[in-house]
mmCIF file of all heavy atoms, coordinates in Angstrom:
data_MODEL
# 
_entry.id   MODEL 
# 
loop_
_atom_site.group_PDB 
_atom_site.id 
_atom_site.type_symbol 
_atom_site.label_atom_id 
_atom_site.label_alt_id 
_atom_site.label_comp_id 
_atom_site.label_asym_id 
_atom_site.label_entity_id 
_atom_site.label_seq_id 
_atom_site.pdbx_PDB_ins_code 
_atom_site.Cartn_x 
_atom_site.Cartn_y 
_atom_site.Cartn_z 
_atom_site.occupancy 
_atom_site.B_iso_or_equiv 
_atom_site.pdbx_formal_charge 
_atom_site.auth_seq_id 
_atom_site.auth_comp_id 
_atom_site.auth_asym_id 
_atom_site.auth_atom_id 
_atom_site.pdbx_PDB_model_num 
ATOM 1   N N   . ARG A 1 1  ? -40.593 130.400 124.563 1.00 0.00 ? 1  ARG A N   1 
ATOM 2   C CA  . ARG A 1 1  ? -41.274 131.486 123.852 1.00 0.00 ? 1  ARG A CA  1 
ATOM 3   C C   . ARG A 1 1  ? -42.320 132.156 124.734 1.00 0.00 ? 1  ARG A C   1 
ATOM 4   O O   . ARG A 1 1  ? -42.554 133.354 124.641 1.00 0.00 ? 1  ARG A O   1 
ATOM 5   C CB  . ARG A 1 1  ? -41.944 130.938 122.584 1.00 0.00 ? 1  ARG A CB  1 
ATOM 6   C CG  . ARG A 1 1  ? -40.958 130.549 121.482 1.00 0.00 ? 1  ARG A CG  1 
ATOM 7   C CD  . ARG A 1 1  ? -41.690 130.337 120.164 1.00 0.00 ? 1  ARG A CD  1 
ATOM 8   N NE  . ARG A 1 1  ? -42.670 129.265 120.255 1.00 0.00 ? 1  ARG A NE  1 
ATOM 9   C CZ  . ARG A 1 1  ? -42.412 127.989 119.977 1.00 0.00 ? 1  ARG A CZ  1 
ATOM 10  N NH1 . ARG A 1 1  ? -41.177 127.636 119.608 1.00 0.00 ? 1  ARG A NH1 1 
ATOM 11  N NH2 . ARG A 1 1  ? -43.355 127.072 120.061 1.00 0.00 ? 1  ARG A NH2 1 
ATOM 12  N N   . GLN A 1 2  ? -42.949 131.370 125.610 1.00 0.00 ? 2  GLN A N   1 
ATOM 13  C CA  . GLN A 1 2  ? -44.010 131.914 126.461 1.00 0.00 ? 2  GLN A CA  1 
ATOM 14  C C   . GLN A 1 2  ? -43.465 132.677 127.663 1.00 0.00 ? 2  GLN A C   1 
ATOM 15  O O   . GLN A 1 2  ? -44.125 133.566 128.194 1.00 0.00 ? 2  GLN A O   1 
ATOM 16  C CB  . GLN A 1 2  ? -44.913 130.774 126.958 1.00 0.00 ? 2  GLN A CB  1 
ATOM 17  C CG  . GLN A 1 2  ? -45.722 130.117 125.865 1.00 0.00 ? 2  GLN A CG  1 
ATOM 18  C CD  . GLN A 1 2  ? -46.487 128.902 126.380 1.00 0.00 ? 2  GLN A CD  1 
ATOM 19  O OE1 . GLN A 1 2  ? -46.166 128.358 127.435 1.00 0.00 ? 2  GLN A OE1 1 
ATOM 20  N NE2 . GLN A 1 2  ? -47.497 128.495 125.642 1.00 0.00 ? 2  GLN A NE2 1 
ATOM 21  N N   . GLY A 1 3  ? -42.279 132.316 128.106 1.00 0.00 ? 3  GLY A N   1 
ATOM 22  C CA  . GLY A 1 3  ? -41.737 132.911 129.330 1.00 0.00 ? 3  GLY A CA  1 
ATOM 23  C C   . GLY A 1 3  ? -40.790 134.056 129.052 1.00 0.00 ? 3  GLY A C   1 
ATOM 24  O O   . GLY A 1 3  ? -40.388 134.316 127.924 1.00 0.00 ? 3  GLY A O   1 
ATOM 25  N N   . GLU A 1 4  ? -40.451 134.761 130.125 1.00 0.00 ? 4  GLU A N   1 
ATOM 26  C CA  . GLU A 1 4  ? -39.525 135.880 130.025 1.00 0.00 ? 4  GLU A CA  1 
ATOM 27  C C   . GLU A 1 4  ? -38.280 135.641 130.868 1.00 0.00 ? 4  GLU A C   1 
ATOM 28  O O   . GLU A 1 4  ? -37.480 136.551 131.056 1.00 0.00 ? 4  GLU A O   1 
ATOM 29  C CB  . GLU A 1 4  ? -40.222 137.167 130.490 1.00 0.00 ? 4  GLU A CB  1 
ATOM 30  C CG  . GLU A 1 4  ? -41.420 137.549 129.644 1.00 0.00 ? 4  GLU A CG  1 
ATOM 31  C CD  . GLU A 1 4  ? -42.103 138.804 130.142 1.00 0.00 ? 4  GLU A CD  1 
ATOM 32  O OE1 . GLU A 1 4  ? -41.691 139.295 131.217 1.00 0.00 ? 4  GLU A OE1 1 
ATOM 33  O OE2 . GLU A 1 4  ? -43.018 139.290 129.471 1.00 0.00 ? 4  GLU A OE2 1 
ATOM 34  N N   . ALA A 1 5  ? -38.098 134.416 131.359 1.00 0.00 ? 5  ALA A N   1 
ATOM 35  C CA  . ALA A 1 5  ? -36.973 134.115 132.236 1.00 0.00 ? 5  ALA A CA  1 
ATOM 36  C C   . ALA A 1 5  ? -35.657 134.162 131.468 1.00 0.00 ? 5  ALA A C   1 
ATOM 37  O O   . ALA A 1 5  ? -35.566 133.734 130.323 1.00 0.00 ? 5  ALA A O   1 
ATOM 38  C CB  . ALA A 1 5  ? -37.161 132.737 132.873 1.00 0.00 ? 5  ALA A CB  1 
ATOM 39  N N   . ASP A 1 6  ? -34.649 134.695 132.100 1.00 0.00 ? 6  ASP A N   1 
ATOM 40  C CA  . ASP A 1 6  ? -33.303 134.757 131.523 1.00 0.00 ? 6  ASP A CA  1 
ATOM 41  C C   . ASP A 1 6  ? -32.332 134.326 132.618 1.00 0.00 ? 6  ASP A C   1 
ATOM 42  O O   . ASP A 1 6  ? -31.462 135.090 133.041 1.00 0.00 ? 6  ASP A O   1 
ATOM 43  C CB  . ASP A 1 6  ? -33.008 136.178 131.027 1.00 0.00 ? 6  ASP A CB  1 
ATOM 44  C CG  . ASP A 1 6  ? -31.711 136.255 130.246 1.00 0.00 ? 6  ASP A CG  1 
ATOM 45  O OD1 . ASP A 1 6  ? -31.270 135.220 129.712 1.00 0.00 ? 6  ASP A OD1 1 
ATOM 46  O OD2 . ASP A 1 6  ? -31.111 137.344 130.198 1.00 0.00 ? 6  ASP A OD2 1 
ATOM 47  N N   . ASP A 1 7  ? -32.522 133.088 133.069 1.00 0.00 ? 7  ASP A N   1 
ATOM 48  C CA  . ASP A 1 7  ? -31.835 132.605 134.263 1.00 0.00 ? 7  ASP A CA  1 
ATOM 49  C C   . ASP A 1 7  ? -30.977 131.376 133.979 1.00 0.00 ? 7  ASP A C   1 
ATOM 50  O O   . ASP A 1 7  ? -31.121 130.703 132.959 1.00 0.00 ? 7  ASP A O   1 
ATOM 51  C CB  . ASP A 1 7  ? -32.850 132.220 135.346 1.00 0.00 ? 7  ASP A CB  1 
ATOM 52  C CG  . ASP A 1 7  ? -33.709 133.382 135.800 1.00 0.00 ? 7  ASP A CG  1 
ATOM 53  O OD1 . ASP A 1 7  ? -33.236 134.532 135.712 1.00 0.00 ? 7  ASP A OD1 1 
ATOM 54  O OD2 . ASP A 1 7  ? -34.843 133.134 136.231 1.00 0.00 ? 7  ASP A OD2 1 
ATOM 55  N N   . TYR A 1 8  ? -30.092 131.113 134.937 1.00 0.00 ? 8  TYR A N   1 
ATOM 56  C CA  . TYR A 1 8  ? -29.429 129.816 135.053 1.00 0.00 ? 8  TYR A CA  1 
ATOM 57  C C   . TYR A 1 8  ? -30.050 129.088 136.239 1.00 0.00 ? 8  TYR A C   1 
ATOM 58  O O   . TYR A 1 8  ? -30.492 129.711 137.220 1.00 0.00 ? 8  TYR A O   1 
ATOM 59  C CB  . TYR A 1 8  ? -27.933 129.965 135.317 1.00 0.00 ? 8  TYR A CB  1 
ATOM 60  C CG  . TYR A 1 8  ? -27.121 130.436 134.148 1.00 0.00 ? 8  TYR A CG  1 
ATOM 61  C CD1 . TYR A 1 8  ? -26.272 131.536 134.271 1.00 0.00 ? 8  TYR A CD1 1 
ATOM 62  C CD2 . TYR A 1 8  ? -27.161 129.771 132.927 1.00 0.00 ? 8  TYR A CD2 1 
ATOM 63  C CE1 . TYR A 1 8  ? -25.505 131.978 133.206 1.00 0.00 ? 8  TYR A CE1 1 
ATOM 64  C CE2 . TYR A 1 8  ? -26.395 130.201 131.850 1.00 0.00 ? 8  TYR A CE2 1 
ATOM 65  C CZ  . TYR A 1 8  ? -25.565 131.306 132.006 1.00 0.00 ? 8  TYR A CZ  1 
ATOM 66  O OH  . TYR A 1 8  ? -24.812 131.743 130.949 1.00 0.00 ? 8  TYR A OH  1 
ATOM 67  N N   . ILE A 1 9  ? -30.064 127.762 136.150 1.00 0.00 ? 9  ILE A N   1 
ATOM 68  C CA  . ILE A 1 9  ? -30.453 126.934 137.288 1.00 0.00 ? 9  ILE A CA  1 
ATOM 69  C C   . ILE A 1 9  ? -29.287 126.010 137.610 1.00 0.00 ? 9  ILE A C   1 
ATOM 70  O O   . ILE A 1 9  ? -28.732 125.367 136.715 1.00 0.00 ? 9  ILE A O   1 
ATOM 71  C CB  . ILE A 1 9  ? -31.708 126.099 136.981 1.00 0.00 ? 9  ILE A CB  1 
ATOM 72  C CG1 . ILE A 1 9  ? -32.930 126.998 136.840 1.00 0.00 ? 9  ILE A CG1 1 
ATOM 73  C CG2 . ILE A 1 9  ? -31.954 125.067 138.086 1.00 0.00 ? 9  ILE A CG2 1 
ATOM 74  C CD1 . ILE A 1 9  ? -34.218 126.250 136.531 1.00 0.00 ? 9  ILE A CD1 1 
ATOM 75  N N   . LEU A 1 10 ? -28.900 125.976 138.863 1.00 0.00 ? 10 LEU A N   1 
ATOM 76  C CA  . LEU A 1 10 ? -27.885 125.036 139.323 1.00 0.00 ? 10 LEU A CA  1 
ATOM 77  C C   . LEU A 1 10 ? -28.581 123.953 140.129 1.00 0.00 ? 10 LEU A C   1 
ATOM 78  O O   . LEU A 1 10 ? -29.436 124.241 140.963 1.00 0.00 ? 10 LEU A O   1 
ATOM 79  C CB  . LEU A 1 10 ? -26.845 125.747 140.183 1.00 0.00 ? 10 LEU A CB  1 
ATOM 80  C CG  . LEU A 1 10 ? -25.738 124.859 140.779 1.00 0.00 ? 10 LEU A CG  1 
ATOM 81  C CD1 . LEU A 1 10 ? -24.416 125.611 140.823 1.00 0.00 ? 10 LEU A CD1 1 
ATOM 82  C CD2 . LEU A 1 10 ? -26.091 124.363 142.184 1.00 0.00 ? 10 LEU A CD2 1 
ATOM 83  N N   . GLU A 1 11 ? -28.206 122.704 139.878 1.00 0.00 ? 11 GLU A N   1 
ATOM 84  C CA  . GLU A 1 11 ? -28.764 121.568 140.615 1.00 0.00 ? 11 GLU A CA  1 
ATOM 85  C C   . GLU A 1 11 ? -27.630 120.826 141.295 1.00 0.00 ? 11 GLU A C   1 
ATOM 86  O O   . GLU A 1 11 ? -26.635 120.451 140.656 1.00 0.00 ? 11 GLU A O   1 
ATOM 87  C CB  . GLU A 1 11 ? -29.486 120.625 139.646 1.00 0.00 ? 11 GLU A CB  1 
ATOM 88  C CG  . GLU A 1 11 ? -30.152 119.427 140.290 1.00 0.00 ? 11 GLU A CG  1 
ATOM 89  C CD  . GLU A 1 11 ? -31.552 119.726 140.798 1.00 0.00 ? 11 GLU A CD  1 
ATOM 90  O OE1 . GLU A 1 11 ? -32.028 120.860 140.569 1.00 0.00 ? 11 GLU A OE1 1 
ATOM 91  O OE2 . GLU A 1 11 ? -32.155 118.825 141.404 1.00 0.00 ? 11 GLU A OE2 1 
ATOM 92  N N   . LEU A 1 12 ? -27.743 120.636 142.606 1.00 0.00 ? 12 LEU A N   1 
ATOM 93  C CA  . LEU A 1 12 ? -26.737 119.892 143.375 1.00 0.00 ? 12 LEU A CA  1 
ATOM 94  C C   . LEU A 1 12 ? -27.422 118.744 144.105 1.00 0.00 ? 12 LEU A C   1 
ATOM 95  O O   . LEU A 1 12 ? -28.422 118.961 144.798 1.00 0.00 ? 12 LEU A O   1 
ATOM 96  C CB  . LEU A 1 12 ? -26.025 120.807 144.373 1.00 0.00 ? 12 LEU A CB  1 
ATOM 97  C CG  . LEU A 1 12 ? -24.922 120.161 145.219 1.00 0.00 ? 12 LEU A CG  1 
ATOM 98  C CD1 . LEU A 1 12 ? -23.803 121.161 145.489 1.00 0.00 ? 12 LEU A CD1 1 
ATOM 99  C CD2 . LEU A 1 12 ? -25.433 119.616 146.558 1.00 0.00 ? 12 LEU A CD2 1 
ATOM 100 N N   . GLN A 1 13 ? -26.888 117.545 143.952 1.00 0.00 ? 13 GLN A N   1 
ATOM 101 C CA  . GLN A 1 13 ? -27.468 116.373 144.596 1.00 0.00 ? 13 GLN A CA  1 
ATOM 102 C C   . GLN A 1 13 ? -26.997 116.252 146.045 1.00 0.00 ? 13 GLN A C   1 
ATOM 103 O O   . GLN A 1 13 ? -25.795 116.157 146.306 1.00 0.00 ? 13 GLN A O   1 
ATOM 104 C CB  . GLN A 1 13 ? -27.088 115.100 143.834 1.00 0.00 ? 13 GLN A CB  1 
ATOM 105 C CG  . GLN A 1 13 ? -27.823 114.915 142.529 1.00 0.00 ? 13 GLN A CG  1 
ATOM 106 C CD  . GLN A 1 13 ? -29.327 114.948 142.736 1.00 0.00 ? 13 GLN A CD  1 
ATOM 107 O OE1 . GLN A 1 13 ? -29.961 115.960 142.479 1.00 0.00 ? 13 GLN A OE1 1 
ATOM 108 N NE2 . GLN A 1 13 ? -29.876 113.858 143.210 1.00 0.00 ? 13 GLN A NE2 1 
ATOM 109 N N   . LEU A 1 14 ? -27.963 116.271 146.950 1.00 0.00 ? 14 LEU A N   1 
ATOM 110 C CA  . LEU A 1 14 ? -27.630 116.091 148.369 1.00 0.00 ? 14 LEU A CA  1 
ATOM 111 C C   . LEU A 1 14 ? -27.650 114.625 148.766 1.00 0.00 ? 14 LEU A C   1 
ATOM 112 O O   . LEU A 1 14 ? -26.928 114.207 149.670 1.00 0.00 ? 14 LEU A O   1 
ATOM 113 C CB  . LEU A 1 14 ? -28.633 116.851 149.240 1.00 0.00 ? 14 LEU A CB  1 
ATOM 114 C CG  . LEU A 1 14 ? -28.412 118.348 149.421 1.00 0.00 ? 14 LEU A CG  1 
ATOM 115 C CD1 . LEU A 1 14 ? -29.545 118.949 150.230 1.00 0.00 ? 14 LEU A CD1 1 
ATOM 116 C CD2 . LEU A 1 14 ? -27.077 118.611 150.097 1.00 0.00 ? 14 LEU A CD2 1 
ATOM 117 N N   . GLY A 1 15 ? -28.510 113.841 148.121 1.00 0.00 ? 15 GLY A N   1 
ATOM 118 C CA  . GLY A 1 15 ? -28.611 112.437 148.497 1.00 0.00 ? 15 GLY A CA  1 
ATOM 119 C C   . GLY A 1 15 ? -29.720 111.746 147.740 1.00 0.00 ? 15 GLY A C   1 
ATOM 120 O O   . GLY A 1 15 ? -30.425 112.347 146.924 1.00 0.00 ? 15 GLY A O   1 
ATOM 121 N N   . GLY A 1 16 ? -29.896 110.469 148.025 1.00 0.00 ? 16 GLY A N   1 
ATOM 122 C CA  . GLY A 1 16 ? -30.908 109.699 147.341 1.00 0.00 ? 16 GLY A CA  1 
ATOM 123 C C   . GLY A 1 16 ? -30.406 109.194 146.005 1.00 0.00 ? 16 GLY A C   1 
ATOM 124 O O   . GLY A 1 16 ? -29.200 109.085 145.764 1.00 0.00 ? 16 GLY A O   1 
ATOM 125 N N   . GLU A 1 17 ? -31.328 108.899 145.104 1.00 0.00 ? 17 GLU A N   1 
ATOM 126 C CA  . GLU A 1 17 ? -30.971 108.374 143.797 1.00 0.00 ? 17 GLU A CA  1 
ATOM 127 C C   . GLU A 1 17 ? -30.373 109.462 142.904 1.00 0.00 ? 17 GLU A C   1 
ATOM 128 O O   . GLU A 1 17 ? -30.572 110.653 143.120 1.00 0.00 ? 17 GLU A O   1 
ATOM 129 C CB  . GLU A 1 17 ? -32.206 107.782 143.113 1.00 0.00 ? 17 GLU A CB  1 
ATOM 130 C CG  . GLU A 1 17 ? -32.863 106.651 143.888 1.00 0.00 ? 17 GLU A CG  1 
ATOM 131 C CD  . GLU A 1 17 ? -31.990 105.423 143.976 1.00 0.00 ? 17 GLU A CD  1 
ATOM 132 O OE1 . GLU A 1 17 ? -31.197 105.192 143.039 1.00 0.00 ? 17 GLU A OE1 1 
ATOM 133 O OE2 . GLU A 1 17 ? -32.092 104.691 144.976 1.00 0.00 ? 17 GLU A OE2 1 
ATOM 134 N N   . SER A 1 18 ? -29.637 109.029 141.899 1.00 0.00 ? 18 SER A N   1 
ATOM 135 C CA  . SER A 1 18 ? -29.030 109.959 140.964 1.00 0.00 ? 18 SER A CA  1 
ATOM 136 C C   . SER A 1 18 ? -30.086 110.571 140.046 1.00 0.00 ? 18 SER A C   1 
ATOM 137 O O   . SER A 1 18 ? -31.175 110.021 139.873 1.00 0.00 ? 18 SER A O   1 
ATOM 138 C CB  . SER A 1 18 ? -27.964 109.257 140.118 1.00 0.00 ? 18 SER A CB  1 
ATOM 139 O OG  . SER A 1 18 ? -28.547 108.190 139.394 1.00 0.00 ? 18 SER A OG  1 
ATOM 140 N N   . VAL A 1 19 ? -29.758 111.724 139.458 1.00 0.00 ? 19 VAL A N   1 
ATOM 141 C CA  . VAL A 1 19 ? -30.631 112.375 138.486 1.00 0.00 ? 19 VAL A CA  1 
ATOM 142 C C   . VAL A 1 19 ? -29.836 112.607 137.207 1.00 0.00 ? 19 VAL A C   1 
ATOM 143 O O   . VAL A 1 19 ? -28.602 112.578 137.194 1.00 0.00 ? 19 VAL A O   1 
ATOM 144 C CB  . VAL A 1 19 ? -31.193 113.718 139.009 1.00 0.00 ? 19 VAL A CB  1 
ATOM 145 C CG1 . VAL A 1 19 ? -31.954 113.522 140.290 1.00 0.00 ? 19 VAL A CG1 1 
ATOM 146 C CG2 . VAL A 1 19 ? -30.077 114.733 139.171 1.00 0.00 ? 19 VAL A CG2 1 
ATOM 147 N N   . VAL A 1 20 ? -30.566 112.860 136.126 1.00 0.00 ? 20 VAL A N   1 
ATOM 148 C CA  . VAL A 1 20 ? -29.949 113.151 134.834 1.00 0.00 ? 20 VAL A CA  1 
ATOM 149 C C   . VAL A 1 20 ? -30.332 114.577 134.426 1.00 0.00 ? 20 VAL A C   1 
ATOM 150 O O   . VAL A 1 20 ? -31.508 114.947 134.489 1.00 0.00 ? 20 VAL A O   1 
ATOM 151 C CB  . VAL A 1 20 ? -30.414 112.158 133.753 1.00 0.00 ? 20 VAL A CB  1 
ATOM 152 C CG1 . VAL A 1 20 ? -29.884 112.584 132.382 1.00 0.00 ? 20 VAL A CG1 1 
ATOM 153 C CG2 . VAL A 1 20 ? -29.949 110.744 134.090 1.00 0.00 ? 20 VAL A CG2 1 
ATOM 154 N N   . LEU A 1 21 ? -29.337 115.371 134.027 1.00 0.00 ? 21 LEU A N   1 
ATOM 155 C CA  . LEU A 1 21 ? -29.582 116.680 133.442 1.00 0.00 ? 21 LEU A CA  1 
ATOM 156 C C   . LEU A 1 21 ? -29.241 116.610 131.958 1.00 0.00 ? 21 LEU A C   1 
ATOM 157 O O   . LEU A 1 21 ? -28.208 116.025 131.581 1.00 0.00 ? 21 LEU A O   1 
ATOM 158 C CB  . LEU A 1 21 ? -28.724 117.761 134.101 1.00 0.00 ? 21 LEU A CB  1 
ATOM 159 C CG  . LEU A 1 21 ? -28.964 118.084 135.579 1.00 0.00 ? 21 LEU A CG  1 
ATOM 160 C CD1 . LEU A 1 21 ? -28.104 119.268 136.005 1.00 0.00 ? 21 LEU A CD1 1 
ATOM 161 C CD2 . LEU A 1 21 ? -30.425 118.358 135.859 1.00 0.00 ? 21 LEU A CD2 1 
ATOM 162 N N   . GLY A 1 22 ? -30.098 117.202 131.124 1.00 0.00 ? 22 GLY A N   1 
ATOM 163 C CA  . GLY A 1 22 ? -29.853 117.188 129.698 1.00 0.00 ? 22 GLY A CA  1 
ATOM 164 C C   . GLY A 1 22 ? -30.073 118.541 129.058 1.00 0.00 ? 22 GLY A C   1 
ATOM 165 O O   . GLY A 1 22 ? -31.013 119.260 129.404 1.00 0.00 ? 22 GLY A O   1 
ATOM 166 N N   . GLN A 1 23 ? -29.180 118.887 128.128 1.00 0.00 ? 23 GLN A N   1 
ATOM 167 C CA  . GLN A 1 23 ? -29.325 120.140 127.367 1.00 0.00 ? 23 GLN A CA  1 
ATOM 168 C C   . GLN A 1 23 ? -28.360 120.115 126.180 1.00 0.00 ? 23 GLN A C   1 
ATOM 169 O O   . GLN A 1 23 ? -27.237 119.611 126.283 1.00 0.00 ? 23 GLN A O   1 
ATOM 170 C CB  . GLN A 1 23 ? -29.034 121.364 128.251 1.00 0.00 ? 23 GLN A CB  1 
ATOM 171 C CG  . GLN A 1 23 ? -29.360 122.693 127.583 1.00 0.00 ? 23 GLN A CG  1 
ATOM 172 C CD  . GLN A 1 23 ? -29.534 123.810 128.609 1.00 0.00 ? 23 GLN A CD  1 
ATOM 173 O OE1 . GLN A 1 23 ? -28.601 124.176 129.302 1.00 0.00 ? 23 GLN A OE1 1 
ATOM 174 N NE2 . GLN A 1 23 ? -30.747 124.356 128.688 1.00 0.00 ? 23 GLN A NE2 1 
ATOM 175 N N   . ASP A 1 24 ? -28.815 120.644 125.050 1.00 0.00 ? 24 ASP A N   1 
ATOM 176 C CA  . ASP A 1 24 ? -27.980 120.779 123.849 1.00 0.00 ? 24 ASP A CA  1 
ATOM 177 C C   . ASP A 1 24 ? -27.353 119.459 123.415 1.00 0.00 ? 24 ASP A C   1 
ATOM 178 O O   . ASP A 1 24 ? -26.200 119.414 122.958 1.00 0.00 ? 24 ASP A O   1 
ATOM 179 C CB  . ASP A 1 24 ? -26.873 121.820 124.077 1.00 0.00 ? 24 ASP A CB  1 
ATOM 180 C CG  . ASP A 1 24 ? -27.424 123.213 124.318 1.00 0.00 ? 24 ASP A CG  1 
ATOM 181 O OD1 . ASP A 1 24 ? -28.570 123.479 123.895 1.00 0.00 ? 24 ASP A OD1 1 
ATOM 182 O OD2 . ASP A 1 24 ? -26.723 124.034 124.936 1.00 0.00 ? 24 ASP A OD2 1 
ATOM 183 N N   . GLY A 1 25 ? -28.093 118.358 123.571 1.00 0.00 ? 25 GLY A N   1 
ATOM 184 C CA  . GLY A 1 25 ? -27.585 117.061 123.150 1.00 0.00 ? 25 GLY A CA  1 
ATOM 185 C C   . GLY A 1 25 ? -26.692 116.375 124.161 1.00 0.00 ? 25 GLY A C   1 
ATOM 186 O O   . GLY A 1 25 ? -26.247 115.237 123.942 1.00 0.00 ? 25 GLY A O   1 
ATOM 187 N N   . ARG A 1 26 ? -26.413 117.035 125.290 1.00 0.00 ? 26 ARG A N   1 
ATOM 188 C CA  . ARG A 1 26 ? -25.598 116.423 126.340 1.00 0.00 ? 26 ARG A CA  1 
ATOM 189 C C   . ARG A 1 26 ? -26.499 115.878 127.437 1.00 0.00 ? 26 ARG A C   1 
ATOM 190 O O   . ARG A 1 26 ? -27.538 116.470 127.739 1.00 0.00 ? 26 ARG A O   1 
ATOM 191 C CB  . ARG A 1 26 ? -24.631 117.446 126.956 1.00 0.00 ? 26 ARG A CB  1 
ATOM 192 C CG  . ARG A 1 26 ? -23.574 117.975 126.027 1.00 0.00 ? 26 ARG A CG  1 
ATOM 193 C CD  . ARG A 1 26 ? -22.645 118.935 126.769 1.00 0.00 ? 26 ARG A CD  1 
ATOM 194 N NE  . ARG A 1 26 ? -23.355 120.120 127.249 1.00 0.00 ? 26 ARG A NE  1 
ATOM 195 C CZ  . ARG A 1 26 ? -23.547 121.207 126.528 1.00 0.00 ? 26 ARG A CZ  1 
ATOM 196 N NH1 . ARG A 1 26 ? -23.095 121.266 125.280 1.00 0.00 ? 26 ARG A NH1 1 
ATOM 197 N NH2 . ARG A 1 26 ? -24.185 122.253 127.020 1.00 0.00 ? 26 ARG A NH2 1 
ATOM 198 N N   . GLU A 1 27 ? -26.087 114.782 128.049 1.00 0.00 ? 27 GLU A N   1 
ATOM 199 C CA  . GLU A 1 27 ? -26.758 114.263 129.234 1.00 0.00 ? 27 GLU A CA  1 
ATOM 200 C C   . GLU A 1 27 ? -25.694 113.815 130.223 1.00 0.00 ? 27 GLU A C   1 
ATOM 201 O O   . GLU A 1 27 ? -24.688 113.227 129.834 1.00 0.00 ? 27 GLU A O   1 
ATOM 202 C CB  . GLU A 1 27 ? -27.678 113.091 128.898 1.00 0.00 ? 27 GLU A CB  1 
ATOM 203 C CG  . GLU A 1 27 ? -28.956 113.490 128.195 1.00 0.00 ? 27 GLU A CG  1 
ATOM 204 C CD  . GLU A 1 27 ? -29.963 112.352 128.134 1.00 0.00 ? 27 GLU A CD  1 
ATOM 205 O OE1 . GLU A 1 27 ? -29.601 111.218 128.538 1.00 0.00 ? 27 GLU A OE1 1 
ATOM 206 O OE2 . GLU A 1 27 ? -31.095 112.586 127.690 1.00 0.00 ? 27 GLU A OE2 1 
# 
């Protein structure tokens, strides 16, 4: 509500430990 961003963000793992992405009930 505070921001005006209308973007997508792509995340690609290059290395190290794994990460979790979550949205709309999915992880």
